[in-house]
C-alpha atoms as a PDB file:
ATOM      1  CA  MET A   1       1.833  65.250  65.705  1.00  0.00           C
ATOM      2  CA  THR A   2       0.382  63.176  62.921  1.00  0.00           C
ATOM      3  CA  GLY A   3       2.775  60.770  61.244  1.00  0.00           C
ATOM      4  CA  ALA A   4       3.312  60.883  57.504  1.00  0.00           C
ATOM      5  CA  ARG A   5       0.994  58.631  55.550  1.00  0.00           C
ATOM      6  CA  ALA A   6       2.782  55.659  54.064  1.00  0.00           C
ATOM      7  CA  ALA A   7       2.840  55.468  50.293  1.00  0.00           C
ATOM      8  CA  PRO A   8       0.448  52.861  48.940  1.00  0.00           C
ATOM      9  CA  ARG A   9       2.091  49.550  48.186  1.00  0.00           C
ATOM     10  CA  GLU A  10       2.154  48.414  44.594  1.00  0.00           C
ATOM     11  CA  ASP A  11       0.053  45.324  44.020  1.00  0.00           C
ATOM     12  CA  THR A  12       2.464  42.574  43.074  1.00  0.00           C
ATOM     13  CA  ALA A  13       2.329  39.166  41.464  1.00  0.00           C
ATOM     14  CA  SER A  14       4.651  36.227  42.075  1.00  0.00           C
ATOM     15  CA  TRP A  15       4.885  35.294  38.390  1.00  0.00           C
ATOM     16  CA  LEU A  16       5.095  37.075  35.064  1.00  0.00           C
ATOM     17  CA  PRO A  17       4.305  35.871  31.534  1.00  0.00           C
ATOM     18  CA  ILE A  18       7.025  36.755  29.016  1.00  0.00           C
ATOM     19  CA  LEU A  19       5.482  36.043  25.623  1.00  0.00           C
ATOM     20  CA  THR A  20       7.487  35.134  22.517  1.00  0.00           C
ATOM     21  CA  PHE A  21       6.334  36.060  19.034  1.00  0.00           C
ATOM     22  CA  HIS A  22       8.176  35.753  15.751  1.00  0.00           C
ATOM     23  CA  ALA A  23       6.334  36.778  12.573  1.00  0.00           C
ATOM     24  CA  VAL A  24       2.858  38.291  12.726  1.00  0.00           C
ATOM     25  CA  ASP A  25       1.381  37.169   9.428  1.00  0.00           C
ATOM     26  CA  HIS A  26      -0.980  34.650   7.820  1.00  0.00           C
ATOM     27  CA  ALA A  27       1.583  32.049   6.736  1.00  0.00           C
ATOM     28  CA  PRO A  28       0.881  28.412   7.755  1.00  0.00           C
ATOM     29  CA  SER A  29       3.869  28.192  10.077  1.00  0.00           C
ATOM     30  CA  VAL A  30       4.567  27.536  13.763  1.00  0.00           C
ATOM     31  CA  ILE A  31       6.306  30.916  13.977  1.00  0.00           C
ATOM     32  CA  ALA A  32       3.354  32.863  12.524  1.00  0.00           C
ATOM     33  CA  PHE A  33       0.719  34.612  14.622  1.00  0.00           C
ATOM     34  CA  PRO A  34      -2.455  35.928  12.908  1.00  0.00           C
ATOM     35  CA  PRO A  35      -2.441  39.755  12.670  1.00  0.00           C
ATOM     36  CA  ALA A  36      -6.149  40.184  13.480  1.00  0.00           C
ATOM     37  CA  LEU A  37      -5.825  37.982  16.566  1.00  0.00           C
ATOM     38  CA  PHE A  38      -2.741  39.910  17.663  1.00  0.00           C
ATOM     39  CA  ARG A  39      -4.540  43.248  17.445  1.00  0.00           C
ATOM     40  CA  SER A  40      -7.640  41.958  19.224  1.00  0.00           C
ATOM     41  CA  ALA A  41      -5.498  40.290  21.906  1.00  0.00           C
ATOM     42  CA  LEU A  42      -3.802  43.590  22.732  1.00  0.00           C
ATOM     43  CA  GLY A  43      -7.229  45.180  23.010  1.00  0.00           C
ATOM     44  CA  GLU A  44      -8.403  42.427  25.344  1.00  0.00           C
ATOM     45  CA  LEU A  45      -5.308  42.797  27.530  1.00  0.00           C
ATOM     46  CA  GLN A  46      -5.745  46.567  27.692  1.00  0.00           C
ATOM     47  CA  GLY A  47      -9.441  46.210  28.493  1.00  0.00           C
ATOM     48  CA  ALA A  48      -8.618  43.787  31.313  1.00  0.00           C
ATOM     49  CA  GLY A  49      -6.257  46.327  32.881  1.00  0.00           C
ATOM     50  CA  PHE A  50      -2.986  44.780  31.728  1.00  0.00           C
ATOM     51  CA  ARG A  51       0.112  46.790  31.021  1.00  0.00           C
ATOM     52  CA  THR A  52       3.342  45.811  29.308  1.00  0.00           C
ATOM     53  CA  LEU A  53       6.469  45.672  31.427  1.00  0.00           C
ATOM     54  CA  GLY A  54       9.851  46.237  29.813  1.00  0.00           C
ATOM     55  CA  LEU A  55      12.049  43.159  29.660  1.00  0.00           C
ATOM     56  CA  LEU A  56      14.960  44.903  31.382  1.00  0.00           C
ATOM     57  CA  ASP A  57      12.654  46.009  34.202  1.00  0.00           C
ATOM     58  CA  ALA A  58      11.369  42.451  34.550  1.00  0.00           C
ATOM     59  CA  ALA A  59      14.906  41.034  34.583  1.00  0.00           C
ATOM     60  CA  GLU A  60      15.966  43.528  37.248  1.00  0.00           C
ATOM     61  CA  ARG A  61      13.066  42.425  39.437  1.00  0.00           C
ATOM     62  CA  VAL A  62      14.088  38.799  38.934  1.00  0.00           C
ATOM     63  CA  ALA A  63      17.689  39.603  39.875  1.00  0.00           C
ATOM     64  CA  LYS A  64      16.538  41.394  43.028  1.00  0.00           C
ATOM     65  CA  ARG A  65      14.072  38.578  43.854  1.00  0.00           C
ATOM     66  CA  GLU A  66      11.201  41.059  43.811  1.00  0.00           C
ATOM     67  CA  GLY A  67       7.605  40.581  42.785  1.00  0.00           C
ATOM     68  CA  PHE A  68       6.155  41.883  39.540  1.00  0.00           C
ATOM     69  CA  PRO A  69       3.490  44.561  39.043  1.00  0.00           C
ATOM     70  CA  ALA A  70       0.111  42.868  39.040  1.00  0.00           C
ATOM     71  CA  ARG A  71      -1.552  42.376  35.643  1.00  0.00           C
ATOM     72  CA  SER A  72       1.679  42.846  33.714  1.00  0.00           C
ATOM     73  CA  VAL A  73       3.008  41.038  30.670  1.00  0.00           C
ATOM     74  CA  VAL A  74       6.241  41.244  28.667  1.00  0.00           C
ATOM     75  CA  LEU A  75       6.083  41.039  24.867  1.00  0.00           C
ATOM     76  CA  THR A  76       9.136  39.871  22.913  1.00  0.00           C
ATOM     77  CA  PHE A  77       9.656  39.332  19.179  1.00  0.00           C
ATOM     78  CA  ASP A  78      12.482  37.154  17.881  1.00  0.00           C
ATOM     79  CA  ASP A  79      14.474  37.257  14.631  1.00  0.00           C
ATOM     80  CA  GLY A  80      13.437  40.661  13.258  1.00  0.00           C
ATOM     81  CA  TYR A  81      10.722  40.024  10.674  1.00  0.00           C
ATOM     82  CA  ARG A  82       9.380  43.052   8.814  1.00  0.00           C
ATOM     83  CA  SER A  83       5.862  42.282  10.034  1.00  0.00           C
ATOM     84  CA  VAL A  84       6.987  43.545  13.449  1.00  0.00           C
ATOM     85  CA  TYR A  85       7.419  46.984  11.908  1.00  0.00           C
ATOM     86  CA  GLU A  86       4.390  46.859   9.622  1.00  0.00           C
ATOM     87  CA  THR A  87       1.837  45.263  11.969  1.00  0.00           C
ATOM     88  CA  VAL A  88       3.139  45.133  15.523  1.00  0.00           C
ATOM     89  CA  LEU A  89       4.505  48.660  15.910  1.00  0.00           C
ATOM     90  CA  PRO A  90       1.231  50.453  15.025  1.00  0.00           C
ATOM     91  CA  ALA A  91      -0.792  48.035  17.182  1.00  0.00           C
ATOM     92  CA  LEU A  92       1.470  48.646  20.175  1.00  0.00           C
ATOM     93  CA  HIS A  93       1.240  52.397  19.631  1.00  0.00           C
ATOM     94  CA  GLU A  94      -2.550  52.223  19.467  1.00  0.00           C
ATOM     95  CA  HIS A  95      -2.748  50.447  22.817  1.00  0.00           C
ATOM     96  CA  GLY A  96       0.054  52.297  24.587  1.00  0.00           C
ATOM     97  CA  MET A  97       2.202  49.182  24.930  1.00  0.00           C
ATOM     98  CA  THR A  98       5.843  48.337  24.446  1.00  0.00           C
ATOM     99  CA  ALA A  99       7.957  45.311  23.524  1.00  0.00           C
ATOM    100  CA  THR A 100      11.468  44.004  23.009  1.00  0.00           C
ATOM    101  CA  VAL A 101      12.547  43.089  19.476  1.00  0.00           C
ATOM    102  CA  PHE A 102      15.514  40.718  19.145  1.00  0.00           C
ATOM    103  CA  VAL A 103      17.142  41.145  15.737  1.00  0.00           C
ATOM    104  CA  SER A 104      19.594  38.933  13.871  1.00  0.00           C
ATOM    105  CA  ALA A 105      21.831  41.721  12.662  1.00  0.00           C
ATOM    106  CA  GLY A 106      23.428  40.018   9.656  1.00  0.00           C
ATOM    107  CA  THR A 107      26.938  40.532   8.316  1.00  0.00           C
ATOM    108  CA  GLY A 108      26.241  42.384   5.064  1.00  0.00           C
ATOM    109  CA  ARG A 109      26.336  46.089   4.332  1.00  0.00           C
ATOM    110  CA  GLY A 110      22.810  46.482   2.999  1.00  0.00           C
ATOM    111  CA  ASP A 111      20.029  48.235   4.866  1.00  0.00           C
ATOM    112  CA  ARG A 112      17.753  45.174   5.080  1.00  0.00           C
ATOM    113  CA  PHE A 113      18.674  42.047   7.062  1.00  0.00           C
ATOM    114  CA  PRO A 114      19.121  38.729   5.222  1.00  0.00           C
ATOM    115  CA  SER A 115      15.916  36.717   4.812  1.00  0.00           C
ATOM    116  CA  LEU A 116      14.944  34.051   7.365  1.00  0.00           C
ATOM    117  CA  CYS A 117      12.240  31.411   6.848  1.00  0.00           C
ATOM    118  CA  HIS A 118      11.493  32.895   3.406  1.00  0.00           C
ATOM    119  CA  ARG A 119      10.280  36.134   4.984  1.00  0.00           C
ATOM    120  CA  GLU A 120      11.284  39.738   4.490  1.00  0.00           C
ATOM    121  CA  MET A 121      13.233  41.091   7.426  1.00  0.00           C
ATOM    122  CA  LEU A 122      13.596  44.482   9.075  1.00  0.00           C
ATOM    123  CA  SER A 123      15.870  47.202   7.755  1.00  0.00           C
ATOM    124  CA  TRP A 124      18.144  49.395   9.824  1.00  0.00           C
ATOM    125  CA  PRO A 125      15.960  52.502   9.264  1.00  0.00           C
ATOM    126  CA  GLU A 126      12.940  50.525  10.551  1.00  0.00           C
ATOM    127  CA  VAL A 127      14.917  49.330  13.583  1.00  0.00           C
ATOM    128  CA  ARG A 128      15.931  52.913  14.341  1.00  0.00           C
ATOM    129  CA  GLU A 129      12.332  54.051  14.007  1.00  0.00           C
ATOM    130  CA  MET A 130      11.115  51.334  16.410  1.00  0.00           C
ATOM    131  CA  HIS A 131      13.815  52.268  18.910  1.00  0.00           C
ATOM    132  CA  ALA A 132      12.843  55.943  18.655  1.00  0.00           C
ATOM    133  CA  ALA A 133       9.229  54.900  19.316  1.00  0.00           C
ATOM    134  CA  GLY A 134      10.280  53.363  22.638  1.00  0.00           C
ATOM    135  CA  LEU A 135      10.734  49.693  21.781  1.00  0.00           C
ATOM    136  CA  GLU A 136      13.754  47.933  23.229  1.00  0.00           C
ATOM    137  CA  ILE A 137      16.089  46.421  20.631  1.00  0.00           C
ATOM    138  CA  GLY A 138      17.943  43.284  21.714  1.00  0.00           C
ATOM    139  CA  ALA A 139      20.628  41.145  20.074  1.00  0.00           C
ATOM    140  CA  HIS A 140      19.934  37.748  18.499  1.00  0.00           C
ATOM    141  CA  THR A 141      23.382  37.070  16.933  1.00  0.00           C
ATOM    142  CA  LEU A 142      24.459  37.898  13.381  1.00  0.00           C
ATOM    143  CA  ALA A 143      23.319  34.873  11.363  1.00  0.00           C
ATOM    144  CA  HIS A 144      20.958  33.067  13.774  1.00  0.00           C
ATOM    145  CA  PRO A 145      23.106  29.939  14.260  1.00  0.00           C
ATOM    146  CA  ASP A 146      22.864  27.225  16.895  1.00  0.00           C
ATOM    147  CA  LEU A 147      25.542  28.536  19.256  1.00  0.00           C
ATOM    148  CA  THR A 148      26.126  25.113  20.790  1.00  0.00           C
ATOM    149  CA  ARG A 149      27.483  23.829  17.449  1.00  0.00           C
ATOM    150  CA  LEU A 150      30.035  26.575  16.807  1.00  0.00           C
ATOM    151  CA  PRO A 151      33.719  26.903  17.753  1.00  0.00           C
ATOM    152  CA  ALA A 152      34.452  29.319  20.579  1.00  0.00           C
ATOM    153  CA  ASP A 153      35.731  32.136  18.361  1.00  0.00           C
ATOM    154  CA  ARG A 154      32.571  32.049  16.227  1.00  0.00           C
ATOM    155  CA  VAL A 155      30.342  32.051  19.329  1.00  0.00           C
ATOM    156  CA  ARG A 156      32.125  35.159  20.553  1.00  0.00           C
ATOM    157  CA  ARG A 157      31.775  36.878  17.178  1.00  0.00           C
ATOM    158  CA  GLU A 158      28.089  36.075  16.799  1.00  0.00           C
ATOM    159  CA  ILE A 159      27.260  37.444  20.246  1.00  0.00           C
ATOM    160  CA  LEU A 160      29.532  40.468  20.537  1.00  0.00           C
ATOM    161  CA  GLU A 161      29.481  41.713  16.948  1.00  0.00           C
ATOM    162  CA  SER A 162      25.701  41.580  16.840  1.00  0.00           C
ATOM    163  CA  LYS A 163      25.577  43.733  19.951  1.00  0.00           C
ATOM    164  CA  ALA A 164      28.116  46.190  18.488  1.00  0.00           C
ATOM    165  CA  ARG A 165      26.331  46.472  15.121  1.00  0.00           C
ATOM    166  CA  ILE A 166      22.981  47.215  16.731  1.00  0.00           C
ATOM    167  CA  GLU A 167      24.460  49.728  19.169  1.00  0.00           C
ATOM    168  CA  GLU A 168      26.152  51.561  16.304  1.00  0.00           C
ATOM    169  CA  ALA A 169      22.907  51.623  14.338  1.00  0.00           C
ATOM    170  CA  ILE A 170      20.612  52.906  17.087  1.00  0.00           C
ATOM    171  CA  GLY A 171      23.127  54.933  19.089  1.00  0.00           C
ATOM    172  CA  ALA A 172      22.193  53.318  22.391  1.00  0.00           C
ATOM    173  CA  PRO A 173      23.307  50.386  24.573  1.00  0.00           C
ATOM    174  CA  VAL A 174      21.970  46.922  23.774  1.00  0.00           C
ATOM    175  CA  SER A 175      21.425  45.144  27.076  1.00  0.00           C
ATOM    176  CA  SER A 176      19.290  42.096  26.273  1.00  0.00           C
ATOM    177  CA  PHE A 177      19.965  38.941  24.273  1.00  0.00           C
ATOM    178  CA  ALA A 178      17.983  35.948  23.015  1.00  0.00           C
ATOM    179  CA  TYR A 179      19.677  32.635  22.199  1.00  0.00           C
ATOM    180  CA  PRO A 180      18.786  31.467  18.646  1.00  0.00           C
ATOM    181  CA  PHE A 181      16.542  28.394  18.760  1.00  0.00           C
ATOM    182  CA  GLY A 182      16.729  28.778  22.548  1.00  0.00           C
ATOM    183  CA  ARG A 183      19.985  26.805  22.504  1.00  0.00           C
ATOM    184  CA  PHE A 184      22.873  27.739  24.781  1.00  0.00           C
ATOM    185  CA  ASP A 185      25.858  26.240  26.548  1.00  0.00           C
ATOM    186  CA  ASP A 186      28.314  27.351  29.238  1.00  0.00           C
ATOM    187  CA  ARG A 187      30.374  29.360  26.717  1.00  0.00           C
ATOM    188  CA  SER A 188      27.483  31.377  25.358  1.00  0.00           C
ATOM    189  CA  VAL A 189      25.872  31.993  28.746  1.00  0.00           C
ATOM    190  CA  SER A 190      29.203  33.132  30.204  1.00  0.00           C
ATOM    191  CA  LEU A 191      29.710  35.675  27.407  1.00  0.00           C
ATOM    192  CA  VAL A 192      26.156  36.939  27.695  1.00  0.00           C
ATOM    193  CA  ARG A 193      26.464  37.360  31.467  1.00  0.00           C
ATOM    194  CA  GLU A 194      29.574  39.452  30.908  1.00  0.00           C
ATOM    195  CA  HIS A 195      28.157  41.787  28.256  1.00  0.00           C
ATOM    196  CA  PHE A 196      24.376  41.970  28.761  1.00  0.00           C
ATOM    197  CA  ARG A 197      21.931  42.594  31.592  1.00  0.00           C
ATOM    198  CA  CYS A 198      19.596  39.711  30.739  1.00  0.00           C
ATOM    199  CA  ALA A 199      18.853  36.997  28.195  1.00  0.00           C
ATOM    200  CA  CYS A 200      15.889  34.910  27.094  1.00  0.00           C
ATOM    201  CA  SER A 201      15.883  31.155  26.679  1.00  0.00           C
ATOM    202  CA  ASP A 202      13.100  29.024  25.269  1.00  0.00           C
ATOM    203  CA  PHE A 203      12.284  27.360  28.594  1.00  0.00           C
ATOM    204  CA  LEU A 204       8.505  27.087  28.514  1.00  0.00           C
ATOM    205  CA  SER A 205       7.372  28.641  31.786  1.00  0.00           C
ATOM    206  CA  VAL A 206       6.470  31.914  33.443  1.00  0.00           C
ATOM    207  CA  ALA A 207       9.130  34.025  35.136  1.00  0.00           C
ATOM    208  CA  THR A 208       9.356  34.031  38.935  1.00  0.00           C
ATOM    209  CA  HIS A 209      11.825  35.286  41.532  1.00  0.00           C
ATOM    210  CA  ARG A 210      13.603  31.940  41.171  1.00  0.00           C
ATOM    211  CA  SER A 211      14.310  32.463  37.463  1.00  0.00           C
ATOM    212  CA  ASP A 212      17.818  33.124  36.150  1.00  0.00           C
ATOM    213  CA  PRO A 213      17.965  36.615  34.529  1.00  0.00           C
ATOM    214  CA  TYR A 214      20.221  35.127  31.837  1.00  0.00           C
ATOM    215  CA  LEU A 215      17.954  32.157  31.116  1.00  0.00           C
ATOM    216  CA  LEU A 216      14.566  33.818  31.346  1.00  0.00           C
ATOM    217  CA  PRO A 217      11.685  31.470  30.509  1.00  0.00           C
ATOM    218  CA  ARG A 218       9.039  32.482  28.013  1.00  0.00           C
ATOM    219  CA  VAL A 219       5.675  31.337  26.675  1.00  0.00           C
ATOM    220  CA  ASP A 220       5.620  30.900  22.913  1.00  0.00           C
ATOM    221  CA  ALA A 221       2.638  32.560  21.286  1.00  0.00           C
ATOM    222  CA  TYR A 222       2.191  29.336  19.281  1.00  0.00           C
ATOM    223  CA  TYR A 223       0.312  28.055  22.339  1.00  0.00           C
ATOM    224  CA  LEU A 224      -1.975  31.112  22.460  1.00  0.00           C
ATOM    225  CA  ARG A 225      -3.429  31.165  18.954  1.00  0.00           C
ATOM    226  CA  SER A 226      -7.064  31.565  19.957  1.00  0.00           C
ATOM    227  CA  PRO A 227      -8.950  34.368  21.752  1.00  0.00           C
ATOM    228  CA  PHE A 228      -9.726  32.070  24.700  1.00  0.00           C
ATOM    229  CA  LEU A 229      -6.119  30.996  25.200  1.00  0.00           C
ATOM    230  CA  PHE A 230      -4.754  34.506  24.942  1.00  0.00           C
ATOM    231  CA  ALA A 231      -7.344  35.770  27.414  1.00  0.00           C
ATOM    232  CA  ALA A 232      -6.083  33.152  29.886  1.00  0.00           C
ATOM    233  CA  VAL A 233      -2.680  34.842  30.213  1.00  0.00           C
ATOM    234  CA  GLY A 234      -3.718  36.539  33.447  1.00  0.00           C
ATOM    235  CA  ALA A 235      -5.627  33.611  34.948  1.00  0.00           C
ATOM    236  CA  ARG A 236      -4.394  32.096  38.189  1.00  0.00           C
ATOM    237  CA  TRP A 237      -4.197  28.689  36.558  1.00  0.00           C
ATOM    238  CA  PHE A 238      -2.127  29.918  33.606  1.00  0.00           C
ATOM    239  CA  PRO A 239       1.284  28.829  35.042  1.00  0.00           C
ATOM    240  CA  TRP A 240      -0.096  25.318  35.590  1.00  0.00           C
ATOM    241  CA  ALA A 241      -1.423  25.177  32.044  1.00  0.00           C
ATOM    242  CA  VAL A 242       2.011  26.178  30.752  1.00  0.00           C
ATOM    243  CA  ARG A 243       3.664  23.429  32.790  1.00  0.00           C
ATOM    244  CA  LEU A 244       1.286  20.877  31.320  1.00  0.00           C
ATOM    245  CA  ARG A 245       2.144  22.130  27.851  1.00  0.00           C
ATOM    246  CA  ASN A 246       5.819  21.786  28.639  1.00  0.00           C
ATOM    247  CA  MET A 247       5.657  18.075  29.522  1.00  0.00           C
ATOM    248  CA  PRO A 248       5.039  16.680  25.997  1.00  0.00           C
ATOM    249  CA  ARG A 249       7.361  19.334  24.590  1.00  0.00           C
ATOM    250  CA  GLN A 250      10.256  18.117  26.741  1.00  0.00           C
ATOM    251  CA  LEU A 251       9.442  14.500  25.910  1.00  0.00           C
ATOM    252  CA  ARG A 252       9.610  15.266  22.182  1.00  0.00           C
ATOM    253  CA  ARG A 253      12.936  16.990  22.640  1.00  0.00           C
ATOM    254  CA  ARG A 254      14.403  14.025  24.519  1.00  0.00           C
ATOM    255  CA  MET A 255      13.267  11.826  21.653  1.00  0.00           C
ATOM    256  CA  GLY A 256      14.820  14.191  19.121  1.00  0.00           C
ATOM    257  CA  LEU A 257      11.468  15.063  17.571  1.00  0.00           C
ATOM    258  CA  TRP A 258      11.293  18.762  18.423  1.00  0.00           C
ATOM    259  CA  PRO A 259      12.410  21.137  15.655  1.00  0.00           C
ATOM    260  CA  SER A 260      15.864  22.666  16.050  1.00  0.00           C
END
């Protein structure tokens, strides 16, 4: 009797790049990423056999200490700028990719979120359309404050009310969170662990099985603003390059020179 053939094993990688974008526009700003480069970068990734992995899937693999699908990348977008709807959504659709969009939900009653960094933000109809198109919508507080500088009751409100507002708007659970400015403390992390399945920090590194699902490291797209650098995302030496980038960054922060 011939035994059943074992299912082929999925090729796995020990690390995963989780990329952070903010606005995709031409403004001279550290949070801006050129639209043409973004579109060409997605094409390069697709041509090289990359696929996008959902953030929740990635976090679950981290929690289970599993490997990641080979040639995978996670795309995340912080704050909720309108350029994510206008530029990113059609580019993702064209290349069959997905992403997580962390929105600062605001406290007003209008359809469009309050402006950040002098940019137009998303509206609730646009958020609902992105969710219907398969993008994951995550919480990024109400007003984008530094949570470490707030009293406990305000920290709780910023985290939990943002989650509730988004869930009401899209009619689905919100399971991921990103700390504004990457800043967190024991209070905020404890609340997030209780009410979400994962969260992103601004630790500059790639994710591995040793990562904390509630302090997931990411690579800011600021460091990838050239075709060569973006193409290096899948290179074996990429994690080492990120670590080298992180050294002066941490030094500047210790000296109080890194932006809040």
